[in-house]
Amino acid sequence: MRHTEFWARMDRHLGESYARVWADTFVIGALDHRTAVEALDAGLSPKEVWRAVWEVLELPASER
């Protein structure tokens, strides 16, 4: 997964304006208590970050 696909999925599920705010403020335990943005900046793959986001948001399996 590329960063562009990650952000497209975030926008689709949270809305374009809220996705960035959420990703910058919501701390996810599975990402070592970092936000999605912090995890991406630390070098985690967008796919790994998306899996953590997917789990927190309790999205359907089809969105994994």
PDB file of N, CA and C in Angstrom:
ATOM      1  N   MET A   1       0.839  -1.171   0.000  1.00  0.00           N
ATOM      2  CA  MET A   1       0.000   0.000   0.000  1.00  0.00           C
ATOM      3  C   MET A   1       0.889   1.242   0.000  1.00  0.00           C
ATOM      4  N   ARG A   2       0.525   2.184  -0.806  1.00  0.00           N
ATOM      5  CA  ARG A   2       1.244   3.464  -0.849  1.00  0.00           C
ATOM      6  C   ARG A   2       0.580   4.475   0.095  1.00  0.00           C
ATOM      7  N   HIS A   3       1.299   5.519   0.379  1.00  0.00           N
ATOM      8  CA  HIS A   3       0.749   6.575   1.237  1.00  0.00           C
ATOM      9  C   HIS A   3      -0.522   7.157   0.622  1.00  0.00           C
ATOM     10  N   THR A   4      -0.546   7.305  -0.687  1.00  0.00           N
ATOM     11  CA  THR A   4      -1.735   7.879  -1.336  1.00  0.00           C
ATOM     12  C   THR A   4      -2.962   6.999  -1.128  1.00  0.00           C
ATOM     13  N   GLU A   5      -2.787   5.690  -1.184  1.00  0.00           N
ATOM     14  CA  GLU A   5      -3.912   4.790  -0.947  1.00  0.00           C
ATOM     15  C   GLU A   5      -4.351   4.845   0.515  1.00  0.00           C
ATOM     16  N   PHE A   6      -3.376   4.912   1.412  1.00  0.00           N
ATOM     17  CA  PHE A   6      -3.706   5.041   2.833  1.00  0.00           C
ATOM     18  C   PHE A   6      -4.584   6.260   3.068  1.00  0.00           C
ATOM     19  N   TRP A   7      -4.168   7.414   2.533  1.00  0.00           N
ATOM     20  CA  TRP A   7      -4.929   8.643   2.755  1.00  0.00           C
ATOM     21  C   TRP A   7      -6.275   8.622   2.037  1.00  0.00           C
ATOM     22  N   ALA A   8      -6.351   7.973   0.910  1.00  0.00           N
ATOM     23  CA  ALA A   8      -7.635   7.842   0.212  1.00  0.00           C
ATOM     24  C   ALA A   8      -8.614   7.032   1.060  1.00  0.00           C
ATOM     25  N   ARG A   9      -8.120   5.958   1.671  1.00  0.00           N
ATOM     26  CA  ARG A   9      -8.982   5.155   2.551  1.00  0.00           C
ATOM     27  C   ARG A   9      -9.409   5.947   3.779  1.00  0.00           C
ATOM     28  N   MET A  10      -8.471   6.683   4.356  1.00  0.00           N
ATOM     29  CA  MET A  10      -8.810   7.511   5.513  1.00  0.00           C
ATOM     30  C   MET A  10      -9.892   8.522   5.141  1.00  0.00           C
ATOM     31  N   ASP A  11      -9.717   9.195   4.007  1.00  0.00           N
ATOM     32  CA  ASP A  11     -10.702  10.178   3.550  1.00  0.00           C
ATOM     33  C   ASP A  11     -12.065   9.536   3.331  1.00  0.00           C
ATOM     34  N   ARG A  12     -12.069   8.343   2.749  1.00  0.00           N
ATOM     35  CA  ARG A  12     -13.323   7.652   2.454  1.00  0.00           C
ATOM     36  C   ARG A  12     -14.081   7.304   3.738  1.00  0.00           C
ATOM     37  N   HIS A  13     -13.373   6.914   4.769  1.00  0.00           N
ATOM     38  CA  HIS A  13     -14.040   6.467   5.993  1.00  0.00           C
ATOM     39  C   HIS A  13     -14.295   7.564   7.012  1.00  0.00           C
ATOM     40  N   LEU A  14     -13.480   8.587   6.997  1.00  0.00           N
ATOM     41  CA  LEU A  14     -13.637   9.646   8.000  1.00  0.00           C
ATOM     42  C   LEU A  14     -13.986  11.005   7.415  1.00  0.00           C
ATOM     43  N   GLY A  15     -13.952  11.125   6.110  1.00  0.00           N
ATOM     44  CA  GLY A  15     -14.171  12.420   5.478  1.00  0.00           C
ATOM     45  C   GLY A  15     -12.850  13.136   5.285  1.00  0.00           C
ATOM     46  N   GLU A  16     -12.763  13.892   4.211  1.00  0.00           N
ATOM     47  CA  GLU A  16     -11.484  14.524   3.855  1.00  0.00           C
ATOM     48  C   GLU A  16     -10.935  15.446   4.938  1.00  0.00           C
ATOM     49  N   SER A  17     -11.783  16.250   5.532  1.00  0.00           N
ATOM     50  CA  SER A  17     -11.266  17.203   6.519  1.00  0.00           C
ATOM     51  C   SER A  17     -10.988  16.535   7.864  1.00  0.00           C
ATOM     52  N   TYR A  18     -11.820  15.597   8.285  1.00  0.00           N
ATOM     53  CA  TYR A  18     -11.640  14.983   9.597  1.00  0.00           C
ATOM     54  C   TYR A  18     -10.538  13.924   9.609  1.00  0.00           C
ATOM     55  N   ALA A  19     -10.297  13.269   8.493  1.00  0.00           N
ATOM     56  CA  ALA A  19      -9.294  12.195   8.436  1.00  0.00           C
ATOM     57  C   ALA A  19      -7.926  12.690   8.882  1.00  0.00           C
ATOM     58  N   ARG A  20      -7.527  13.859   8.420  1.00  0.00           N
ATOM     59  CA  ARG A  20      -6.203  14.398   8.785  1.00  0.00           C
ATOM     60  C   ARG A  20      -6.132  14.749  10.266  1.00  0.00           C
ATOM     61  N   VAL A  21      -7.198  15.340  10.763  1.00  0.00           N
ATOM     62  CA  VAL A  21      -7.232  15.705  12.186  1.00  0.00           C
ATOM     63  C   VAL A  21      -7.181  14.444  13.045  1.00  0.00           C
ATOM     64  N   TRP A  22      -7.999  13.458  12.701  1.00  0.00           N
ATOM     65  CA  TRP A  22      -8.036  12.209  13.460  1.00  0.00           C
ATOM     66  C   TRP A  22      -6.677  11.528  13.440  1.00  0.00           C
ATOM     67  N   ALA A  23      -6.082  11.430  12.265  1.00  0.00           N
ATOM     68  CA  ALA A  23      -4.786  10.746  12.115  1.00  0.00           C
ATOM     69  C   ALA A  23      -3.671  11.467  12.868  1.00  0.00           C
ATOM     70  N   ASP A  24      -3.851  12.741  13.110  1.00  0.00           N
ATOM     71  CA  ASP A  24      -2.828  13.532  13.793  1.00  0.00           C
ATOM     72  C   ASP A  24      -3.041  13.608  15.304  1.00  0.00           C
ATOM     73  N   THR A  25      -4.233  13.189  15.774  1.00  0.00           N
ATOM     74  CA  THR A  25      -4.519  13.345  17.202  1.00  0.00           C
ATOM     75  C   THR A  25      -4.887  12.054  17.935  1.00  0.00           C
ATOM     76  N   PHE A  26      -5.418  11.065  17.227  1.00  0.00           N
ATOM     77  CA  PHE A  26      -5.884   9.840  17.884  1.00  0.00           C
ATOM     78  C   PHE A  26      -4.719   8.883  18.094  1.00  0.00           C
ATOM     79  N   VAL A  27      -4.426   8.573  19.346  1.00  0.00           N
ATOM     80  CA  VAL A  27      -3.320   7.683  19.694  1.00  0.00           C
ATOM     81  C   VAL A  27      -3.801   6.228  19.650  1.00  0.00           C
ATOM     82  N   ILE A  28      -3.027   5.397  18.976  1.00  0.00           N
ATOM     83  CA  ILE A  28      -3.388   3.989  18.788  1.00  0.00           C
ATOM     84  C   ILE A  28      -2.365   3.111  19.514  1.00  0.00           C
ATOM     85  N   GLY A  29      -2.836   2.324  20.448  1.00  0.00           N
ATOM     86  CA  GLY A  29      -1.956   1.468  21.232  1.00  0.00           C
ATOM     87  C   GLY A  29      -1.136   0.512  20.385  1.00  0.00           C
ATOM     88  N   ALA A  30      -1.745  -0.044  19.347  1.00  0.00           N
ATOM     89  CA  ALA A  30      -1.053  -1.007  18.484  1.00  0.00           C
ATOM     90  C   ALA A  30       0.093  -0.373  17.693  1.00  0.00           C
ATOM     91  N   LEU A  31       0.142   0.931  17.672  1.00  0.00           N
ATOM     92  CA  LEU A  31       1.225   1.648  16.987  1.00  0.00           C
ATOM     93  C   LEU A  31       2.217   2.207  18.009  1.00  0.00           C
ATOM     94  N   ASP A  32       2.388   1.474  19.088  1.00  0.00           N
ATOM     95  CA  ASP A  32       3.272   1.905  20.177  1.00  0.00           C
ATOM     96  C   ASP A  32       2.843   3.243  20.757  1.00  0.00           C
ATOM     97  N   HIS A  33       1.544   3.397  20.892  1.00  0.00           N
ATOM     98  CA  HIS A  33       0.940   4.608  21.472  1.00  0.00           C
ATOM     99  C   HIS A  33       1.332   5.865  20.697  1.00  0.00           C
ATOM    100  N   ARG A  34       1.257   5.733  19.385  1.00  0.00           N
ATOM    101  CA  ARG A  34       1.496   6.868  18.493  1.00  0.00           C
ATOM    102  C   ARG A  34       0.245   7.111  17.671  1.00  0.00           C
ATOM    103  N   THR A  35       0.184   8.295  17.086  1.00  0.00           N
ATOM    104  CA  THR A  35      -0.881   8.575  16.131  1.00  0.00           C
ATOM    105  C   THR A  35      -0.499   7.954  14.791  1.00  0.00           C
ATOM    106  N   ALA A  36      -1.449   7.892  13.882  1.00  0.00           N
ATOM    107  CA  ALA A  36      -1.151   7.358  12.548  1.00  0.00           C
ATOM    108  C   ALA A  36      -0.066   8.188  11.868  1.00  0.00           C
ATOM    109  N   VAL A  37      -0.144   9.493  12.006  1.00  0.00           N
ATOM    110  CA  VAL A  37       0.856  10.375  11.393  1.00  0.00           C
ATOM    111  C   VAL A  37       2.234  10.130  12.009  1.00  0.00           C
ATOM    112  N   GLU A  38       2.300  10.022  13.315  1.00  0.00           N
ATOM    113  CA  GLU A  38       3.577   9.754  13.978  1.00  0.00           C
ATOM    114  C   GLU A  38       4.152   8.407  13.539  1.00  0.00           C
ATOM    115  N   ALA A  39       3.293   7.411  13.413  1.00  0.00           N
ATOM    116  CA  ALA A  39       3.749   6.090  12.988  1.00  0.00           C
ATOM    117  C   ALA A  39       4.288   6.128  11.566  1.00  0.00           C
ATOM    118  N   LEU A  40       3.591   6.817  10.679  1.00  0.00           N
ATOM    119  CA  LEU A  40       4.076   6.947   9.295  1.00  0.00           C
ATOM    120  C   LEU A  40       5.400   7.706   9.272  1.00  0.00           C
ATOM    121  N   ASP A  41       5.483   8.774  10.029  1.00  0.00           N
ATOM    122  CA  ASP A  41       6.717   9.563  10.086  1.00  0.00           C
ATOM    123  C   ASP A  41       7.880   8.755  10.674  1.00  0.00           C
ATOM    124  N   ALA A  42       7.571   7.795  11.536  1.00  0.00           N
ATOM    125  CA  ALA A  42       8.600   6.952  12.150  1.00  0.00           C
ATOM    126  C   ALA A  42       9.050   5.827  11.219  1.00  0.00           C
ATOM    127  N   GLY A  43       8.405   5.708  10.071  1.00  0.00           N
ATOM    128  CA  GLY A  43       8.829   4.720   9.094  1.00  0.00           C
ATOM    129  C   GLY A  43       7.988   3.461   9.001  1.00  0.00           C
ATOM    130  N   LEU A  44       6.915   3.371   9.780  1.00  0.00           N
ATOM    131  CA  LEU A  44       6.034   2.216   9.638  1.00  0.00           C
ATOM    132  C   LEU A  44       5.369   2.274   8.267  1.00  0.00           C
ATOM    133  N   SER A  45       5.105   1.116   7.712  1.00  0.00           N
ATOM    134  CA  SER A  45       4.495   1.078   6.384  1.00  0.00           C
ATOM    135  C   SER A  45       3.035   1.526   6.462  1.00  0.00           C
ATOM    136  N   PRO A  46       2.544   2.167   5.415  1.00  0.00           N
ATOM    137  CA  PRO A  46       1.134   2.558   5.394  1.00  0.00           C
ATOM    138  C   PRO A  46       0.202   1.366   5.607  1.00  0.00           C
ATOM    139  N   LYS A  47       0.586   0.190   5.117  1.00  0.00           N
ATOM    140  CA  LYS A  47      -0.237  -1.004   5.289  1.00  0.00           C
ATOM    141  C   LYS A  47      -0.346  -1.371   6.768  1.00  0.00           C
ATOM    142  N   GLU A  48       0.769  -1.313   7.478  1.00  0.00           N
ATOM    143  CA  GLU A  48       0.775  -1.618   8.906  1.00  0.00           C
ATOM    144  C   GLU A  48      -0.065  -0.608   9.685  1.00  0.00           C
ATOM    145  N   VAL A  49       0.073   0.650   9.332  1.00  0.00           N
ATOM    146  CA  VAL A  49      -0.700   1.699  10.005  1.00  0.00           C
ATOM    147  C   VAL A  49      -2.183   1.525   9.687  1.00  0.00           C
ATOM    148  N   TRP A  50      -2.493   1.217   8.420  1.00  0.00           N
ATOM    149  CA  TRP A  50      -3.892   1.030   8.044  1.00  0.00           C
ATOM    150  C   TRP A  50      -4.518  -0.117   8.839  1.00  0.00           C
ATOM    151  N   ARG A  51      -3.804  -1.206   9.028  1.00  0.00           N
ATOM    152  CA  ARG A  51      -4.347  -2.333   9.796  1.00  0.00           C
ATOM    153  C   ARG A  51      -4.730  -1.899  11.206  1.00  0.00           C
ATOM    154  N   ALA A  52      -3.902  -1.086  11.820  1.00  0.00           N
ATOM    155  CA  ALA A  52      -4.202  -0.587  13.167  1.00  0.00           C
ATOM    156  C   ALA A  52      -5.411   0.342  13.141  1.00  0.00           C
ATOM    157  N   VAL A  53      -5.470   1.218  12.146  1.00  0.00           N
ATOM    158  CA  VAL A  53      -6.613   2.134  12.007  1.00  0.00           C
ATOM    159  C   VAL A  53      -7.882   1.327  11.763  1.00  0.00           C
ATOM    160  N   TRP A  54      -7.792   0.359  10.864  1.00  0.00           N
ATOM    161  CA  TRP A  54      -8.929  -0.495  10.519  1.00  0.00           C
ATOM    162  C   TRP A  54      -9.506  -1.159  11.775  1.00  0.00           C
ATOM    163  N   GLU A  55      -8.615  -1.639  12.616  1.00  0.00           N
ATOM    164  CA  GLU A  55      -9.054  -2.317  13.833  1.00  0.00           C
ATOM    165  C   GLU A  55      -9.721  -1.353  14.798  1.00  0.00           C
ATOM    166  N   VAL A  56      -9.120  -0.192  14.986  1.00  0.00           N
ATOM    167  CA  VAL A  56      -9.669   0.802  15.924  1.00  0.00           C
ATOM    168  C   VAL A  56     -11.042   1.291  15.463  1.00  0.00           C
ATOM    169  N   LEU A  57     -11.176   1.513  14.166  1.00  0.00           N
ATOM    170  CA  LEU A  57     -12.437   2.013  13.633  1.00  0.00           C
ATOM    171  C   LEU A  57     -13.488   0.912  13.474  1.00  0.00           C
ATOM    172  N   GLU A  58     -13.076  -0.332  13.694  1.00  0.00           N
ATOM    173  CA  GLU A  58     -13.979  -1.478  13.574  1.00  0.00           C
ATOM    174  C   GLU A  58     -14.668  -1.511  12.219  1.00  0.00           C
ATOM    175  N   LEU A  59     -13.835  -1.383  11.190  1.00  0.00           N
ATOM    176  CA  LEU A  59     -14.351  -1.407   9.821  1.00  0.00           C
ATOM    177  C   LEU A  59     -14.601  -2.840   9.386  1.00  0.00           C
ATOM    178  N   PRO A  60     -15.427  -3.032   8.354  1.00  0.00           N
ATOM    179  CA  PRO A  60     -15.703  -4.392   7.886  1.00  0.00           C
ATOM    180  C   PRO A  60     -14.459  -5.052   7.311  1.00  0.00           C
ATOM    181  N   ALA A  61     -14.457  -6.373   7.332  1.00  0.00           N
ATOM    182  CA  ALA A  61     -13.321  -7.144   6.834  1.00  0.00           C
ATOM    183  C   ALA A  61     -12.989  -6.803   5.389  1.00  0.00           C
ATOM    184  N   SER A  62     -13.974  -6.432   4.616  1.00  0.00           N
ATOM    185  CA  SER A  62     -13.747  -6.087   3.209  1.00  0.00           C
ATOM    186  C   SER A  62     -12.869  -4.854   3.040  1.00  0.00           C
ATOM    187  N   GLU A  63     -12.717  -4.072   4.082  1.00  0.00           N
ATOM    188  CA  GLU A  63     -11.910  -2.846   4.025  1.00  0.00           C
ATOM    189  C   GLU A  63     -10.495  -3.052   4.522  1.00  0.00           C
ATOM    190  N   ARG A  64     -10.172  -4.263   4.908  1.00  0.00           N
ATOM    191  CA  ARG A  64      -8.853  -4.523   5.464  1.00  0.00           C
ATOM    192  C   ARG A  64      -7.829  -4.438   4.382  1.00  0.00           C
TER     193      ARG A  64
END
